[in-house]
Amino acid sequence: MKNVSTIQLNRRVIDQLKKAKEHPRQTYNELLEKMSRIFITLKQRNQYDEFLHKIQQPKMKELWDNKEDEAWENA
């Protein structure tokens, strides 16, 4: 069994992993592999969303911070 290691996990984490299994025979290795792929994908998507938000901020500020809108607020 080359490329195998032993890690220590808190009992609470083990209980959470048991609840997260998709089927009873799914190994922790399979589960953690899937969870890590999902996490990486979400992290990349979040970075993209943050990028879009940052490049949109100046235009949104320009659109929202104008005298015409302020006039309507006081009408």
PDB file of N, CA and C in Angstrom:
ATOM      1  N   MET A   1       0.834  -1.182   0.000  1.00  0.00           N
ATOM      2  CA  MET A   1       0.000   0.000   0.000  1.00  0.00           C
ATOM      3  C   MET A   1       0.874   1.239   0.000  1.00  0.00           C
ATOM      4  N   LYS A   2       1.400   1.537  -1.144  1.00  0.00           N
ATOM      5  CA  LYS A   2       2.242   2.703  -1.309  1.00  0.00           C
ATOM      6  C   LYS A   2       1.375   3.957  -1.382  1.00  0.00           C
ATOM      7  N   ASN A   3       1.930   5.101  -1.008  1.00  0.00           N
ATOM      8  CA  ASN A   3       1.228   6.384  -1.039  1.00  0.00           C
ATOM      9  C   ASN A   3       0.011   6.435  -0.121  1.00  0.00           C
ATOM     10  N   VAL A   4       0.095   5.795   1.012  1.00  0.00           N
ATOM     11  CA  VAL A   4      -0.977   5.813   1.997  1.00  0.00           C
ATOM     12  C   VAL A   4      -0.404   6.358   3.293  1.00  0.00           C
ATOM     13  N   SER A   5      -1.193   7.196   3.978  1.00  0.00           N
ATOM     14  CA  SER A   5      -0.737   7.720   5.257  1.00  0.00           C
ATOM     15  C   SER A   5      -1.844   7.599   6.290  1.00  0.00           C
ATOM     16  N   THR A   6      -1.495   7.838   7.509  1.00  0.00           N
ATOM     17  CA  THR A   6      -2.443   7.802   8.608  1.00  0.00           C
ATOM     18  C   THR A   6      -2.574   9.215   9.153  1.00  0.00           C
ATOM     19  N   ILE A   7      -3.812   9.669   9.308  1.00  0.00           N
ATOM     20  CA  ILE A   7      -4.041  10.981   9.903  1.00  0.00           C
ATOM     21  C   ILE A   7      -4.924  10.820  11.124  1.00  0.00           C
ATOM     22  N   GLN A   8      -4.747  11.706  12.073  1.00  0.00           N
ATOM     23  CA  GLN A   8      -5.581  11.672  13.266  1.00  0.00           C
ATOM     24  C   GLN A   8      -6.699  12.686  13.109  1.00  0.00           C
ATOM     25  N   LEU A   9      -7.928  12.224  13.385  1.00  0.00           N
ATOM     26  CA  LEU A   9      -9.089  13.091  13.284  1.00  0.00           C
ATOM     27  C   LEU A   9      -9.825  13.113  14.612  1.00  0.00           C
ATOM     28  N   ASN A  10     -10.374  14.250  14.918  1.00  0.00           N
ATOM     29  CA  ASN A  10     -11.193  14.406  16.102  1.00  0.00           C
ATOM     30  C   ASN A  10     -12.437  13.530  15.930  1.00  0.00           C
ATOM     31  N   ARG A  11     -12.926  12.964  16.999  1.00  0.00           N
ATOM     32  CA  ARG A  11     -14.091  12.069  16.951  1.00  0.00           C
ATOM     33  C   ARG A  11     -15.298  12.782  16.332  1.00  0.00           C
ATOM     34  N   ARG A  12     -15.446  14.064  16.614  1.00  0.00           N
ATOM     35  CA  ARG A  12     -16.550  14.855  16.064  1.00  0.00           C
ATOM     36  C   ARG A  12     -16.469  14.902  14.536  1.00  0.00           C
ATOM     37  N   VAL A  13     -15.255  15.038  13.997  1.00  0.00           N
ATOM     38  CA  VAL A  13     -15.058  15.067  12.545  1.00  0.00           C
ATOM     39  C   VAL A  13     -15.408  13.718  11.938  1.00  0.00           C
ATOM     40  N   ILE A  14     -15.025  12.659  12.598  1.00  0.00           N
ATOM     41  CA  ILE A  14     -15.341  11.311  12.113  1.00  0.00           C
ATOM     42  C   ILE A  14     -16.860  11.112  12.064  1.00  0.00           C
ATOM     43  N   ASP A  15     -17.552  11.592  13.097  1.00  0.00           N
ATOM     44  CA  ASP A  15     -19.018  11.481  13.117  1.00  0.00           C
ATOM     45  C   ASP A  15     -19.645  12.277  11.966  1.00  0.00           C
ATOM     46  N   GLN A  16     -19.094  13.445  11.677  1.00  0.00           N
ATOM     47  CA  GLN A  16     -19.597  14.246  10.557  1.00  0.00           C
ATOM     48  C   GLN A  16     -19.346  13.534   9.227  1.00  0.00           C
ATOM     49  N   LEU A  17     -18.186  12.920   9.097  1.00  0.00           N
ATOM     50  CA  LEU A  17     -17.871  12.186   7.875  1.00  0.00           C
ATOM     51  C   LEU A  17     -18.825  11.011   7.680  1.00  0.00           C
ATOM     52  N   LYS A  18     -19.155  10.343   8.762  1.00  0.00           N
ATOM     53  CA  LYS A  18     -20.104   9.225   8.681  1.00  0.00           C
ATOM     54  C   LYS A  18     -21.458   9.704   8.166  1.00  0.00           C
ATOM     55  N   LYS A  19     -21.907  10.866   8.650  1.00  0.00           N
ATOM     56  CA  LYS A  19     -23.194  11.418   8.217  1.00  0.00           C
ATOM     57  C   LYS A  19     -23.147  11.874   6.757  1.00  0.00           C
ATOM     58  N   ALA A  20     -21.968  12.276   6.294  1.00  0.00           N
ATOM     59  CA  ALA A  20     -21.827  12.807   4.935  1.00  0.00           C
ATOM     60  C   ALA A  20     -21.724  11.719   3.872  1.00  0.00           C
ATOM     61  N   LYS A  21     -21.496  10.485   4.278  1.00  0.00           N
ATOM     62  CA  LYS A  21     -21.362   9.404   3.302  1.00  0.00           C
ATOM     63  C   LYS A  21     -22.607   9.287   2.439  1.00  0.00           C
ATOM     64  N   GLU A  22     -22.407   9.037   1.143  1.00  0.00           N
ATOM     65  CA  GLU A  22     -23.519   8.879   0.213  1.00  0.00           C
ATOM     66  C   GLU A  22     -24.071   7.463   0.239  1.00  0.00           C
ATOM     67  N   HIS A  23     -23.238   6.509   0.619  1.00  0.00           N
ATOM     68  CA  HIS A  23     -23.679   5.128   0.783  1.00  0.00           C
ATOM     69  C   HIS A  23     -22.775   4.491   1.844  1.00  0.00           C
ATOM     70  N   PRO A  24     -23.260   3.469   2.533  1.00  0.00           N
ATOM     71  CA  PRO A  24     -22.529   2.888   3.670  1.00  0.00           C
ATOM     72  C   PRO A  24     -21.125   2.367   3.342  1.00  0.00           C
ATOM     73  N   ARG A  25     -20.903   1.897   2.121  1.00  0.00           N
ATOM     74  CA  ARG A  25     -19.600   1.313   1.786  1.00  0.00           C
ATOM     75  C   ARG A  25     -18.614   2.340   1.237  1.00  0.00           C
ATOM     76  N   GLN A  26     -19.028   3.595   1.150  1.00  0.00           N
ATOM     77  CA  GLN A  26     -18.136   4.647   0.665  1.00  0.00           C
ATOM     78  C   GLN A  26     -17.007   4.844   1.686  1.00  0.00           C
ATOM     79  N   THR A  27     -15.778   4.851   1.202  1.00  0.00           N
ATOM     80  CA  THR A  27     -14.644   4.997   2.104  1.00  0.00           C
ATOM     81  C   THR A  27     -14.445   6.466   2.457  1.00  0.00           C
ATOM     82  N   TYR A  28     -13.765   6.700   3.566  1.00  0.00           N
ATOM     83  CA  TYR A  28     -13.442   8.076   3.947  1.00  0.00           C
ATOM     84  C   TYR A  28     -12.552   8.712   2.885  1.00  0.00           C
ATOM     85  N   ASN A  29     -11.690   7.919   2.290  1.00  0.00           N
ATOM     86  CA  ASN A  29     -10.807   8.432   1.239  1.00  0.00           C
ATOM     87  C   ASN A  29     -11.633   8.952   0.050  1.00  0.00           C
ATOM     88  N   GLU A  30     -12.625   8.158  -0.384  1.00  0.00           N
ATOM     89  CA  GLU A  30     -13.491   8.580  -1.485  1.00  0.00           C
ATOM     90  C   GLU A  30     -14.269   9.840  -1.118  1.00  0.00           C
ATOM     91  N   LEU A  31     -14.778   9.856   0.088  1.00  0.00           N
ATOM     92  CA  LEU A  31     -15.565  10.983   0.559  1.00  0.00           C
ATOM     93  C   LEU A  31     -14.726  12.258   0.640  1.00  0.00           C
ATOM     94  N   LEU A  32     -13.547  12.156   1.229  1.00  0.00           N
ATOM     95  CA  LEU A  32     -12.677  13.322   1.354  1.00  0.00           C
ATOM     96  C   LEU A  32     -12.174  13.814   0.004  1.00  0.00           C
ATOM     97  N   GLU A  33     -11.939  12.886  -0.903  1.00  0.00           N
ATOM     98  CA  GLU A  33     -11.524  13.263  -2.252  1.00  0.00           C
ATOM     99  C   GLU A  33     -12.626  14.079  -2.938  1.00  0.00           C
ATOM    100  N   LYS A  34     -13.861  13.604  -2.829  1.00  0.00           N
ATOM    101  CA  LYS A  34     -14.989  14.309  -3.439  1.00  0.00           C
ATOM    102  C   LYS A  34     -15.197  15.666  -2.768  1.00  0.00           C
ATOM    103  N   MET A  35     -15.113  15.694  -1.453  1.00  0.00           N
ATOM    104  CA  MET A  35     -15.302  16.948  -0.715  1.00  0.00           C
ATOM    105  C   MET A  35     -14.228  17.972  -1.091  1.00  0.00           C
ATOM    106  N   SER A  36     -13.007  17.521  -1.253  1.00  0.00           N
ATOM    107  CA  SER A  36     -11.933  18.449  -1.599  1.00  0.00           C
ATOM    108  C   SER A  36     -12.114  18.992  -3.014  1.00  0.00           C
ATOM    109  N   ARG A  37     -12.561  18.157  -3.962  1.00  0.00           N
ATOM    110  CA  ARG A  37     -12.831  18.636  -5.329  1.00  0.00           C
ATOM    111  C   ARG A  37     -13.930  19.698  -5.325  1.00  0.00           C
ATOM    112  N   ILE A  38     -14.991  19.443  -4.568  1.00  0.00           N
ATOM    113  CA  ILE A  38     -16.095  20.398  -4.480  1.00  0.00           C
ATOM    114  C   ILE A  38     -15.618  21.704  -3.853  1.00  0.00           C
ATOM    115  N   PHE A  39     -14.832  21.597  -2.796  1.00  0.00           N
ATOM    116  CA  PHE A  39     -14.323  22.789  -2.112  1.00  0.00           C
ATOM    117  C   PHE A  39     -13.460  23.634  -3.044  1.00  0.00           C
ATOM    118  N   ILE A  40     -12.578  22.993  -3.784  1.00  0.00           N
ATOM    119  CA  ILE A  40     -11.696  23.712  -4.713  1.00  0.00           C
ATOM    120  C   ILE A  40     -12.510  24.407  -5.796  1.00  0.00           C
ATOM    121  N   THR A  41     -13.520  23.728  -6.323  1.00  0.00           N
ATOM    122  CA  THR A  41     -14.387  24.315  -7.342  1.00  0.00           C
ATOM    123  C   THR A  41     -15.115  25.536  -6.793  1.00  0.00           C
ATOM    124  N   LEU A  42     -15.666  25.419  -5.599  1.00  0.00           N
ATOM    125  CA  LEU A  42     -16.374  26.541  -4.991  1.00  0.00           C
ATOM    126  C   LEU A  42     -15.442  27.705  -4.714  1.00  0.00           C
ATOM    127  N   LYS A  43     -14.248  27.394  -4.287  1.00  0.00           N
ATOM    128  CA  LYS A  43     -13.261  28.439  -4.003  1.00  0.00           C
ATOM    129  C   LYS A  43     -12.906  29.193  -5.282  1.00  0.00           C
ATOM    130  N   GLN A  44     -12.720  28.486  -6.375  1.00  0.00           N
ATOM    131  CA  GLN A  44     -12.411  29.122  -7.654  1.00  0.00           C
ATOM    132  C   GLN A  44     -13.587  29.964  -8.127  1.00  0.00           C
ATOM    133  N   ARG A  45     -14.797  29.465  -7.965  1.00  0.00           N
ATOM    134  CA  ARG A  45     -15.994  30.205  -8.372  1.00  0.00           C
ATOM    135  C   ARG A  45     -16.125  31.478  -7.544  1.00  0.00           C
ATOM    136  N   ASN A  46     -15.833  31.383  -6.253  1.00  0.00           N
ATOM    137  CA  ASN A  46     -15.910  32.538  -5.366  1.00  0.00           C
ATOM    138  C   ASN A  46     -14.884  33.597  -5.775  1.00  0.00           C
ATOM    139  N   GLN A  47     -13.687  33.162  -6.170  1.00  0.00           N
ATOM    140  CA  GLN A  47     -12.672  34.103  -6.615  1.00  0.00           C
ATOM    141  C   GLN A  47     -13.153  34.819  -7.871  1.00  0.00           C
ATOM    142  N   TYR A  48     -13.815  34.125  -8.767  1.00  0.00           N
ATOM    143  CA  TYR A  48     -14.345  34.727  -9.987  1.00  0.00           C
ATOM    144  C   TYR A  48     -15.435  35.741  -9.638  1.00  0.00           C
ATOM    145  N   ASP A  49     -16.334  35.374  -8.710  1.00  0.00           N
ATOM    146  CA  ASP A  49     -17.390  36.285  -8.281  1.00  0.00           C
ATOM    147  C   ASP A  49     -16.811  37.547  -7.645  1.00  0.00           C
ATOM    148  N   GLU A  50     -15.774  37.392  -6.820  1.00  0.00           N
ATOM    149  CA  GLU A  50     -15.128  38.545  -6.202  1.00  0.00           C
ATOM    150  C   GLU A  50     -14.491  39.435  -7.262  1.00  0.00           C
ATOM    151  N   PHE A  51     -13.874  38.830  -8.275  1.00  0.00           N
ATOM    152  CA  PHE A  51     -13.265  39.586  -9.364  1.00  0.00           C
ATOM    153  C   PHE A  51     -14.335  40.418 -10.087  1.00  0.00           C
ATOM    154  N   LEU A  52     -15.454  39.782 -10.430  1.00  0.00           N
ATOM    155  CA  LEU A  52     -16.532  40.504 -11.104  1.00  0.00           C
ATOM    156  C   LEU A  52     -17.063  41.646 -10.245  1.00  0.00           C
ATOM    157  N   HIS A  53     -17.220  41.388  -8.982  1.00  0.00           N
ATOM    158  CA  HIS A  53     -17.720  42.408  -8.067  1.00  0.00           C
ATOM    159  C   HIS A  53     -16.772  43.615  -8.031  1.00  0.00           C
ATOM    160  N   LYS A  54     -15.484  43.352  -7.970  1.00  0.00           N
ATOM    161  CA  LYS A  54     -14.505  44.443  -7.900  1.00  0.00           C
ATOM    162  C   LYS A  54     -14.491  45.278  -9.172  1.00  0.00           C
ATOM    163  N   ILE A  55     -14.596  44.636 -10.332  1.00  0.00           N
ATOM    164  CA  ILE A  55     -14.547  45.422 -11.562  1.00  0.00           C
ATOM    165  C   ILE A  55     -15.867  46.152 -11.801  1.00  0.00           C
ATOM    166  N   GLN A  56     -16.949  45.703 -11.184  1.00  0.00           N
ATOM    167  CA  GLN A  56     -18.240  46.366 -11.338  1.00  0.00           C
ATOM    168  C   GLN A  56     -18.416  47.536 -10.366  1.00  0.00           C
ATOM    169  N   GLN A  57     -17.678  47.555  -9.283  1.00  0.00           N
ATOM    170  CA  GLN A  57     -17.852  48.572  -8.253  1.00  0.00           C
ATOM    171  C   GLN A  57     -17.752  50.004  -8.775  1.00  0.00           C
ATOM    172  N   PRO A  58     -16.720  50.373  -9.544  1.00  0.00           N
ATOM    173  CA  PRO A  58     -16.633  51.769  -9.998  1.00  0.00           C
ATOM    174  C   PRO A  58     -17.841  52.198 -10.840  1.00  0.00           C
ATOM    175  N   LYS A  59     -18.309  51.331 -11.727  1.00  0.00           N
ATOM    176  CA  LYS A  59     -19.458  51.671 -12.569  1.00  0.00           C
ATOM    177  C   LYS A  59     -20.723  51.783 -11.730  1.00  0.00           C
ATOM    178  N   MET A  60     -20.901  50.887 -10.787  1.00  0.00           N
ATOM    179  CA  MET A  60     -22.080  50.937  -9.932  1.00  0.00           C
ATOM    180  C   MET A  60     -22.074  52.208  -9.086  1.00  0.00           C
ATOM    181  N   LYS A  61     -20.915  52.577  -8.585  1.00  0.00           N
ATOM    182  CA  LYS A  61     -20.805  53.816  -7.813  1.00  0.00           C
ATOM    183  C   LYS A  61     -21.173  55.005  -8.693  1.00  0.00           C
ATOM    184  N   GLU A  62     -20.701  55.005  -9.920  1.00  0.00           N
ATOM    185  CA  GLU A  62     -21.013  56.078 -10.874  1.00  0.00           C
ATOM    186  C   GLU A  62     -22.525  56.151 -11.127  1.00  0.00           C
ATOM    187  N   LEU A  63     -23.161  54.989 -11.275  1.00  0.00           N
ATOM    188  CA  LEU A  63     -24.588  54.961 -11.550  1.00  0.00           C
ATOM    189  C   LEU A  63     -25.436  55.353 -10.338  1.00  0.00           C
ATOM    190  N   TRP A  64     -25.019  54.937  -9.167  1.00  0.00           N
ATOM    191  CA  TRP A  64     -25.833  55.158  -7.973  1.00  0.00           C
ATOM    192  C   TRP A  64     -25.569  56.504  -7.319  1.00  0.00           C
ATOM    193  N   ASP A  65     -24.344  56.981  -7.370  1.00  0.00           N
ATOM    194  CA  ASP A  65     -23.999  58.241  -6.713  1.00  0.00           C
ATOM    195  C   ASP A  65     -24.094  59.387  -7.713  1.00  0.00           C
ATOM    196  N   ASN A  66     -25.324  59.790  -8.020  1.00  0.00           N
ATOM    197  CA  ASN A  66     -25.497  60.913  -8.938  1.00  0.00           C
ATOM    198  C   ASN A  66     -26.595  61.831  -8.426  1.00  0.00           C
ATOM    199  N   LYS A  67     -26.564  63.050  -8.856  1.00  0.00           N
ATOM    200  CA  LYS A  67     -27.478  64.072  -8.360  1.00  0.00           C
ATOM    201  C   LYS A  67     -28.932  63.801  -8.768  1.00  0.00           C
ATOM    202  N   GLU A  68     -29.156  63.187  -9.943  1.00  0.00           N
ATOM    203  CA  GLU A  68     -30.516  62.908 -10.386  1.00  0.00           C
ATOM    204  C   GLU A  68     -31.227  61.976  -9.399  1.00  0.00           C
ATOM    205  N   ASP A  69     -30.536  60.952  -8.941  1.00  0.00           N
ATOM    206  CA  ASP A  69     -31.137  60.038  -7.977  1.00  0.00           C
ATOM    207  C   ASP A  69     -31.388  60.726  -6.655  1.00  0.00           C
ATOM    208  N   GLU A  70     -30.476  61.577  -6.228  1.00  0.00           N
ATOM    209  CA  GLU A  70     -30.639  62.297  -4.970  1.00  0.00           C
ATOM    210  C   GLU A  70     -31.858  63.212  -5.044  1.00  0.00           C
ATOM    211  N   ALA A  71     -32.098  63.798  -6.203  1.00  0.00           N
ATOM    212  CA  ALA A  71     -33.263  64.658  -6.363  1.00  0.00           C
ATOM    213  C   ALA A  71     -34.546  63.858  -6.193  1.00  0.00           C
ATOM    214  N   TRP A  72     -34.592  62.645  -6.710  1.00  0.00           N
ATOM    215  CA  TRP A  72     -35.777  61.807  -6.576  1.00  0.00           C
ATOM    216  C   TRP A  72     -36.000  61.362  -5.124  1.00  0.00           C
ATOM    217  N   GLU A  73     -34.920  61.171  -4.394  1.00  0.00           N
ATOM    218  CA  GLU A  73     -35.066  60.769  -2.998  1.00  0.00           C
ATOM    219  C   GLU A  73     -35.723  61.849  -2.177  1.00  0.00           C
ATOM    220  N   ASN A  74     -35.501  63.101  -2.515  1.00  0.00           N
ATOM    221  CA  ASN A  74     -36.052  64.212  -1.754  1.00  0.00           C
ATOM    222  C   ASN A  74     -37.391  64.708  -2.312  1.00  0.00           C
ATOM    223  N   ALA A  75     -37.923  64.041  -3.317  1.00  0.00           N
ATOM    224  CA  ALA A  75     -39.177  64.497  -3.931  1.00  0.00           C
ATOM    225  C   ALA A  75     -40.370  64.145  -3.082  1.00  0.00           C
TER     226      ALA A  75
END
